[in-house]
Amino acid sequence: MKNSKKFLLATVALGSVATFSVPCYAQMSQRGWYADVGAGQGRAHGDDISTRSGRDGVWTARLGARLSPNFAIDAGYEDLGKHDLTPFITRLNGTVKAASWGVSLVAIAPLDKFDIYGRIGYARTESKVDFSRLPDLRLSEKAHDNEAFYGVGARYNFGNLGVFAEWNKHDKTDIDYWLLGVQFRF
């Protein structure tokens, strides 16, 4: 139930960006292929874990097509970091490492050289959890989740190059992260 409300909220936000950006069609005729590369910091959350390490490094690489001045679709890889954790119910220490492949629809509001955008997408995420209690207990498990993700961002464009700042959230793995990066258009 909680995830369906977040998905609905993200869909409404994405639709709002698209609706309010319709007058911007005349400002830009930017279409074509692009590649994004970004890095930043992420934080894992969860009902049954306590994260000890705070934030960890994340990075992404995406390839996309801007279909119109207001819409794009992209696909890419995201390394969501390695996070230290401790379950509330035991004295085990552990880590979780997550990475995903995903596709997303991006709604863009172009404002001269500046773009504001929202994204909503689907990701296939692999999480590897390792727990240990010295000296004799070690547990390891991999999980694959299909999940929704969403985000918002802003980009400043210099010709065929753009610089962006972006926030994203993955629902099932419960990781959110900030990215700074560059976009190359070709």
Protein backbone atom coordinates (compact mmCIF):
# COMPACT_ATOMS: atom_id res chain seq x y z
CA MET A 1 0.00 0.00 0.00
CA LYS A 2 2.79 2.44 0.92
CA ASN A 3 4.59 1.87 -2.41
CA SER A 4 1.41 2.29 -4.48
CA LYS A 5 0.81 5.72 -2.89
CA LYS A 6 4.39 6.77 -3.69
CA PHE A 7 4.03 5.50 -7.26
CA LEU A 8 0.75 7.43 -7.67
CA LEU A 9 2.34 10.60 -6.25
CA ALA A 10 5.33 10.27 -8.60
CA THR A 11 3.00 9.73 -11.59
CA VAL A 12 0.97 12.85 -10.70
CA ALA A 13 4.19 14.88 -10.29
CA LEU A 14 5.52 13.66 -13.65
CA GLY A 15 2.23 14.51 -15.34
CA SER A 16 2.23 17.98 -13.75
CA VAL A 17 5.73 18.73 -15.08
CA ALA A 18 4.60 17.67 -18.55
CA THR A 19 1.37 19.71 -18.38
CA PHE A 20 2.97 22.92 -17.18
CA SER A 21 5.82 22.66 -19.67
CA VAL A 22 3.63 22.60 -22.81
CA PRO A 23 4.19 26.34 -23.48
CA CYS A 24 7.93 25.67 -23.59
CA TYR A 25 7.69 23.75 -26.90
CA ALA A 26 8.48 26.90 -28.88
CA GLN A 27 11.63 27.60 -26.85
CA MET A 28 13.56 24.47 -27.80
CA SER A 29 13.68 21.99 -30.61
CA GLN A 30 16.21 19.79 -28.83
CA ARG A 31 15.88 16.14 -29.77
CA GLY A 32 18.28 13.27 -30.18
CA TRP A 33 20.47 10.86 -28.26
CA TYR A 34 22.29 11.54 -25.00
CA ALA A 35 24.49 9.84 -22.41
CA ASP A 36 24.46 10.67 -18.69
CA VAL A 37 27.25 9.92 -16.24
CA GLY A 38 26.89 10.88 -12.59
CA ALA A 39 28.15 10.15 -9.09
CA GLY A 40 26.94 11.02 -5.62
CA GLN A 41 25.91 9.77 -2.21
CA GLY A 42 23.12 7.36 -1.21
CA ARG A 43 21.47 6.22 2.00
CA ALA A 44 19.76 2.89 2.74
CA HIS A 45 16.66 2.87 4.91
CA GLY A 46 14.44 0.09 6.18
CA ASP A 47 11.97 -0.97 8.83
CA ASP A 48 14.05 -3.88 10.10
CA ILE A 49 17.62 -2.50 9.83
CA SER A 50 19.67 0.25 11.36
CA THR A 51 22.23 1.71 8.99
CA ARG A 52 25.48 2.59 10.71
CA SER A 53 27.57 4.00 7.90
CA GLY A 54 25.31 6.86 6.90
CA ARG A 55 25.86 7.51 3.20
CA ASP A 56 27.91 5.63 0.62
CA GLY A 57 29.07 6.47 -2.89
CA VAL A 58 26.74 5.76 -5.80
CA TRP A 59 27.13 6.25 -9.55
CA THR A 60 25.10 5.90 -12.72
CA ALA A 61 25.56 5.64 -16.50
CA ARG A 62 22.56 6.04 -18.83
CA LEU A 63 21.85 6.19 -22.55
CA GLY A 64 18.69 7.93 -23.68
CA ALA A 65 16.68 9.54 -26.44
CA ARG A 66 15.02 12.90 -26.11
CA LEU A 67 11.85 12.32 -28.10
CA SER A 68 10.62 15.92 -27.90
CA PRO A 69 11.57 19.05 -25.97
CA ASN A 70 9.42 17.76 -23.09
CA PHE A 71 9.92 13.98 -23.02
CA ALA A 72 12.80 11.52 -23.02
CA ILE A 73 13.27 7.84 -22.35
CA ASP A 74 16.51 6.36 -21.04
CA ALA A 75 18.04 3.13 -19.81
CA GLY A 76 21.04 2.60 -17.62
CA TYR A 77 22.99 1.05 -14.78
CA GLU A 78 23.12 2.30 -11.20
CA ASP A 79 25.55 1.20 -8.50
CA LEU A 80 23.58 2.00 -5.34
CA GLY A 81 26.52 1.56 -2.96
CA LYS A 82 27.55 -0.70 -0.10
CA HIS A 83 25.89 0.08 3.22
CA ASP A 84 26.76 -1.16 6.73
CA LEU A 85 23.75 -2.36 8.68
CA THR A 86 22.67 -4.02 11.91
CA PRO A 87 19.29 -5.77 12.28
CA PHE A 88 17.29 -4.61 15.29
CA ILE A 89 16.56 -8.17 16.45
CA THR A 90 20.10 -9.63 16.59
CA ARG A 91 23.71 -8.67 17.29
CA LEU A 92 24.89 -9.47 13.76
CA ASN A 93 26.88 -6.95 11.77
CA GLY A 94 26.59 -6.82 8.03
CA THR A 95 26.58 -5.02 4.72
CA VAL A 96 24.19 -4.72 1.83
CA LYS A 97 25.41 -3.91 -1.70
CA ALA A 98 22.87 -3.02 -4.36
CA ALA A 99 22.98 -2.34 -8.10
CA SER A 100 20.26 -2.06 -10.73
CA TRP A 101 19.46 -1.88 -14.42
CA GLY A 102 16.48 0.26 -15.31
CA VAL A 103 14.45 2.26 -17.82
CA SER A 104 12.68 5.52 -17.14
CA LEU A 105 10.38 8.06 -18.72
CA VAL A 106 11.56 11.64 -18.18
CA ALA A 107 9.25 14.68 -18.32
CA ILE A 108 11.19 17.89 -18.98
CA ALA A 109 10.33 21.55 -18.51
CA PRO A 110 12.87 23.45 -20.68
CA LEU A 111 13.55 27.01 -19.54
CA ASP A 112 16.03 28.58 -21.98
CA LYS A 113 19.37 26.85 -21.10
CA PHE A 114 17.99 25.32 -17.91
CA ASP A 115 15.90 22.10 -17.68
CA ILE A 116 13.82 20.95 -14.72
CA TYR A 117 12.75 17.32 -14.97
CA GLY A 118 11.10 14.41 -13.24
CA ARG A 119 11.58 10.73 -13.90
CA ILE A 120 9.64 7.57 -13.17
CA GLY A 121 10.84 4.13 -14.09
CA TYR A 122 11.24 0.41 -13.61
CA ALA A 123 14.41 -1.19 -12.23
CA ARG A 124 15.67 -4.74 -11.77
CA THR A 125 17.81 -4.51 -8.63
CA GLU A 126 20.22 -7.07 -7.23
CA SER A 127 20.99 -6.80 -3.51
CA LYS A 128 23.69 -8.85 -1.82
CA VAL A 129 23.47 -9.04 1.97
CA ASP A 130 26.34 -10.39 4.08
CA PHE A 131 26.03 -10.85 7.87
CA SER A 132 28.68 -12.10 10.24
CA ARG A 133 29.17 -12.69 13.93
CA LEU A 134 32.74 -13.39 14.83
CA PRO A 135 34.25 -15.90 14.88
CA ASP A 136 32.04 -18.66 13.46
CA LEU A 137 28.85 -17.38 11.83
CA ARG A 138 28.56 -15.97 8.30
CA LEU A 139 25.34 -15.58 6.30
CA SER A 140 25.12 -14.38 2.71
CA GLU A 141 22.13 -13.96 0.43
CA LYS A 142 21.36 -12.40 -2.97
CA ALA A 143 17.95 -11.06 -3.89
CA HIS A 144 16.53 -9.72 -7.14
CA ASP A 145 13.67 -7.21 -7.02
CA ASN A 146 11.51 -5.60 -9.66
CA GLU A 147 10.76 -2.12 -8.40
CA ALA A 148 9.64 1.37 -9.25
CA PHE A 149 11.97 4.32 -8.92
CA TYR A 150 11.39 8.02 -9.30
CA GLY A 151 13.32 11.25 -9.08
CA VAL A 152 13.62 14.95 -9.81
CA GLY A 153 16.47 17.00 -11.17
CA ALA A 154 17.76 20.15 -12.80
CA ARG A 155 20.25 20.57 -15.66
CA TYR A 156 22.10 23.55 -17.10
CA ASN A 157 22.93 23.16 -20.81
CA PHE A 158 26.06 24.40 -22.64
CA GLY A 159 25.45 23.47 -26.28
CA ASN A 160 25.86 19.68 -26.50
CA LEU A 161 26.93 19.37 -22.86
CA GLY A 162 24.79 19.65 -19.72
CA VAL A 163 25.57 19.59 -16.01
CA PHE A 164 22.89 18.10 -13.74
CA ALA A 165 21.95 17.58 -10.09
CA GLU A 166 19.40 14.86 -9.38
CA TRP A 167 17.67 13.04 -6.49
CA ASN A 168 16.25 9.51 -6.94
CA LYS A 169 14.48 6.93 -4.77
CA HIS A 170 14.20 3.14 -5.23
CA ASP A 171 11.11 1.77 -3.43
CA LYS A 172 11.73 -1.90 -2.61
CA THR A 173 15.43 -1.63 -1.84
CA ASP A 174 14.59 1.59 0.05
CA ILE A 175 17.64 3.57 -1.07
CA ASP A 176 17.59 7.24 -1.97
CA TYR A 177 20.53 9.15 -3.46
CA TRP A 178 21.81 12.45 -4.88
CA LEU A 179 23.81 12.64 -8.09
CA LEU A 180 25.94 15.29 -9.77
CA GLY A 181 26.88 14.59 -13.35
CA VAL A 182 27.22 15.53 -16.98
CA GLN A 183 25.07 14.85 -20.02
CA PHE A 184 26.61 14.50 -23.50
CA ARG A 185 24.22 15.01 -26.42
CA PHE A 186 24.93 13.65 -29.88
